[in-house]
N, C-alpha and C. Protein backbone atom coordinates (compact mmCIF):
# COMPACT_ATOMS: atom_id res chain seq x y z
N MET A 1 24.43 -63.48 42.91
CA MET A 1 25.69 -64.13 42.64
C MET A 1 26.21 -64.75 43.93
N LYS A 2 27.00 -65.80 43.79
CA LYS A 2 27.54 -66.51 44.96
C LYS A 2 28.99 -66.11 45.20
N ILE A 3 29.26 -65.70 46.44
CA ILE A 3 30.59 -65.31 46.88
C ILE A 3 30.96 -66.19 48.07
N THR A 4 32.16 -66.70 48.09
CA THR A 4 32.63 -67.49 49.23
C THR A 4 33.46 -66.58 50.13
N ILE A 5 33.05 -66.50 51.39
CA ILE A 5 33.71 -65.63 52.36
C ILE A 5 34.23 -66.50 53.50
N ASN A 6 35.56 -66.54 53.63
CA ASN A 6 36.19 -67.36 54.67
C ASN A 6 35.63 -68.78 54.67
N GLY A 7 35.44 -69.33 53.47
CA GLY A 7 34.99 -70.71 53.32
C GLY A 7 33.49 -70.92 53.31
N GLU A 8 32.70 -69.88 53.52
CA GLU A 8 31.24 -69.99 53.55
C GLU A 8 30.64 -69.27 52.34
N THR A 9 29.82 -69.96 51.58
CA THR A 9 29.21 -69.37 50.38
C THR A 9 27.95 -68.60 50.76
N ARG A 10 27.85 -67.38 50.23
CA ARG A 10 26.70 -66.52 50.50
C ARG A 10 26.27 -65.88 49.19
N GLU A 11 25.02 -65.42 49.16
CA GLU A 11 24.44 -64.76 47.98
C GLU A 11 24.47 -63.26 48.15
N PHE A 12 24.86 -62.56 47.09
CA PHE A 12 24.86 -61.11 47.05
C PHE A 12 24.37 -60.65 45.68
N PRO A 13 23.77 -59.47 45.59
CA PRO A 13 23.31 -58.97 44.29
C PRO A 13 24.49 -58.52 43.43
N LYS A 14 24.29 -58.55 42.11
CA LYS A 14 25.30 -58.02 41.20
C LYS A 14 25.56 -56.56 41.54
N GLY A 15 26.78 -56.10 41.31
CA GLY A 15 27.14 -54.72 41.63
C GLY A 15 27.62 -54.54 43.05
N THR A 16 27.78 -55.63 43.79
CA THR A 16 28.25 -55.57 45.17
C THR A 16 29.75 -55.33 45.20
N THR A 17 30.18 -54.43 46.10
CA THR A 17 31.61 -54.18 46.28
C THR A 17 32.11 -54.94 47.52
N LEU A 18 33.42 -55.00 47.63
CA LEU A 18 34.03 -55.62 48.80
C LEU A 18 33.56 -54.91 50.07
N TYR A 19 33.51 -53.59 50.03
CA TYR A 19 33.05 -52.84 51.20
C TYR A 19 31.59 -53.16 51.53
N ASP A 20 30.74 -53.32 50.51
CA ASP A 20 29.34 -53.68 50.74
C ASP A 20 29.24 -54.97 51.55
N VAL A 21 30.08 -55.96 51.20
CA VAL A 21 30.07 -57.24 51.91
C VAL A 21 30.48 -57.03 53.37
N ILE A 22 31.56 -56.29 53.58
CA ILE A 22 32.04 -56.04 54.94
C ILE A 22 30.98 -55.34 55.76
N GLU A 23 30.32 -54.35 55.16
CA GLU A 23 29.26 -53.61 55.85
C GLU A 23 28.06 -54.51 56.14
N LYS A 24 27.64 -55.29 55.15
CA LYS A 24 26.48 -56.19 55.33
C LYS A 24 26.72 -57.20 56.45
N LEU A 25 27.97 -57.64 56.60
CA LEU A 25 28.31 -58.61 57.64
C LEU A 25 28.57 -57.95 59.00
N GLY A 26 28.48 -56.61 59.05
CA GLY A 26 28.70 -55.88 60.30
C GLY A 26 30.15 -55.91 60.76
N LEU A 27 31.07 -55.94 59.81
CA LEU A 27 32.48 -56.06 60.13
C LEU A 27 33.29 -54.78 59.91
N GLU A 28 32.63 -53.68 59.55
CA GLU A 28 33.38 -52.45 59.34
C GLU A 28 34.08 -52.08 60.65
N GLY A 29 35.34 -51.70 60.54
CA GLY A 29 36.14 -51.39 61.72
C GLY A 29 36.81 -52.61 62.33
N LYS A 30 36.42 -53.80 61.91
CA LYS A 30 37.00 -55.04 62.45
C LYS A 30 37.94 -55.71 61.46
N VAL A 31 37.64 -55.60 60.17
CA VAL A 31 38.47 -56.25 59.15
C VAL A 31 39.71 -55.40 58.93
N MET A 32 40.87 -56.02 59.05
CA MET A 32 42.14 -55.32 58.87
C MET A 32 42.75 -55.60 57.50
N ALA A 33 42.43 -56.74 56.93
CA ALA A 33 42.98 -57.12 55.63
C ALA A 33 41.94 -57.92 54.88
N ALA A 34 41.95 -57.76 53.55
CA ALA A 34 41.00 -58.49 52.71
C ALA A 34 41.72 -58.97 51.46
N ALA A 35 41.41 -60.20 51.07
CA ALA A 35 41.96 -60.76 49.84
C ALA A 35 40.81 -61.27 48.99
N LYS A 36 40.90 -60.99 47.69
CA LYS A 36 39.92 -61.50 46.74
C LYS A 36 40.67 -62.43 45.80
N ASN A 37 40.24 -63.68 45.77
CA ASN A 37 40.88 -64.69 44.92
C ASN A 37 42.39 -64.72 45.14
N MET A 38 42.78 -64.69 46.41
CA MET A 38 44.18 -64.80 46.86
C MET A 38 45.02 -63.56 46.58
N LYS A 39 44.39 -62.44 46.24
CA LYS A 39 45.10 -61.19 46.00
C LYS A 39 44.66 -60.15 47.04
N ILE A 40 45.63 -59.60 47.76
CA ILE A 40 45.33 -58.60 48.77
C ILE A 40 44.76 -57.34 48.10
N ILE A 41 43.67 -56.83 48.68
CA ILE A 41 43.06 -55.59 48.19
C ILE A 41 43.29 -54.52 49.26
N LYS A 42 43.94 -53.44 48.89
CA LYS A 42 44.21 -52.37 49.83
C LYS A 42 42.90 -51.75 50.32
N GLN A 43 42.88 -51.36 51.58
CA GLN A 43 41.66 -50.84 52.20
C GLN A 43 41.09 -49.64 51.46
N GLU A 44 41.93 -48.79 50.91
CA GLU A 44 41.40 -47.62 50.20
C GLU A 44 40.68 -47.98 48.90
N ARG A 45 40.77 -49.24 48.47
CA ARG A 45 40.11 -49.68 47.23
C ARG A 45 38.85 -50.51 47.51
N TRP A 46 38.52 -50.78 48.75
CA TRP A 46 37.40 -51.66 49.07
C TRP A 46 36.08 -51.18 48.47
N LYS A 47 35.85 -49.87 48.44
CA LYS A 47 34.58 -49.35 47.92
C LYS A 47 34.53 -49.38 46.40
N GLU A 48 35.68 -49.58 45.75
CA GLU A 48 35.76 -49.62 44.28
C GLU A 48 35.91 -51.03 43.74
N GLU A 49 36.13 -52.00 44.63
CA GLU A 49 36.43 -53.37 44.20
C GLU A 49 35.12 -54.16 44.05
N PHE A 50 34.63 -54.24 42.82
CA PHE A 50 33.39 -54.96 42.56
C PHE A 50 33.65 -56.46 42.53
N LEU A 51 32.67 -57.20 43.02
CA LEU A 51 32.79 -58.65 43.08
C LEU A 51 32.02 -59.30 41.94
N GLU A 52 32.44 -60.50 41.60
CA GLU A 52 31.80 -61.27 40.54
C GLU A 52 31.41 -62.64 41.07
N ASP A 53 30.46 -63.25 40.41
CA ASP A 53 30.01 -64.57 40.80
C ASP A 53 31.20 -65.52 40.88
N GLY A 54 31.30 -66.25 41.99
CA GLY A 54 32.36 -67.23 42.17
C GLY A 54 33.61 -66.70 42.87
N ASP A 55 33.66 -65.38 43.15
CA ASP A 55 34.83 -64.84 43.84
C ASP A 55 34.96 -65.47 45.22
N LYS A 56 36.20 -65.55 45.68
CA LYS A 56 36.50 -66.06 47.02
C LYS A 56 37.17 -64.95 47.81
N LEU A 57 36.59 -64.63 48.96
CA LEU A 57 37.12 -63.59 49.82
C LEU A 57 37.66 -64.19 51.11
N GLU A 58 38.75 -63.62 51.58
CA GLU A 58 39.26 -63.90 52.91
C GLU A 58 39.29 -62.56 53.63
N LEU A 59 38.55 -62.47 54.72
CA LEU A 59 38.49 -61.26 55.53
C LEU A 59 39.18 -61.55 56.85
N LEU A 60 40.22 -60.80 57.15
CA LEU A 60 41.06 -61.09 58.30
C LEU A 60 41.08 -59.95 59.29
N ASP A 61 41.13 -60.31 60.56
CA ASP A 61 41.42 -59.32 61.59
C ASP A 61 42.61 -59.85 62.37
N PHE A 62 43.25 -58.97 63.08
CA PHE A 62 44.44 -59.36 63.82
C PHE A 62 44.12 -59.38 65.30
N VAL A 63 44.49 -60.47 65.94
CA VAL A 63 44.22 -60.65 67.36
C VAL A 63 45.57 -60.73 68.08
N GLY A 64 45.71 -59.89 69.07
CA GLY A 64 46.95 -59.93 69.86
C GLY A 64 46.92 -61.08 70.85
N GLY A 65 48.05 -61.46 71.24
CA GLY A 65 48.11 -62.55 72.22
C GLY A 65 49.57 -62.89 72.48
N GLY A 66 49.75 -63.90 73.25
CA GLY A 66 51.13 -64.25 73.51
C GLY A 66 51.25 -65.34 74.41
């Protein structure tokens, strides 16, 4: 199935969770917020949030600065 992550389309197998994507991309511990189809998904639900073909994800981290 095709999932768009931060504007880039990638292929993942059916049954993939939001956490699976974060882990596959090597972003565990770096992603602070995640949205699926413009809806924020709480971090405690990432392992339960299954993705479907065509979903759009935004994975965000926070960078300090000033």
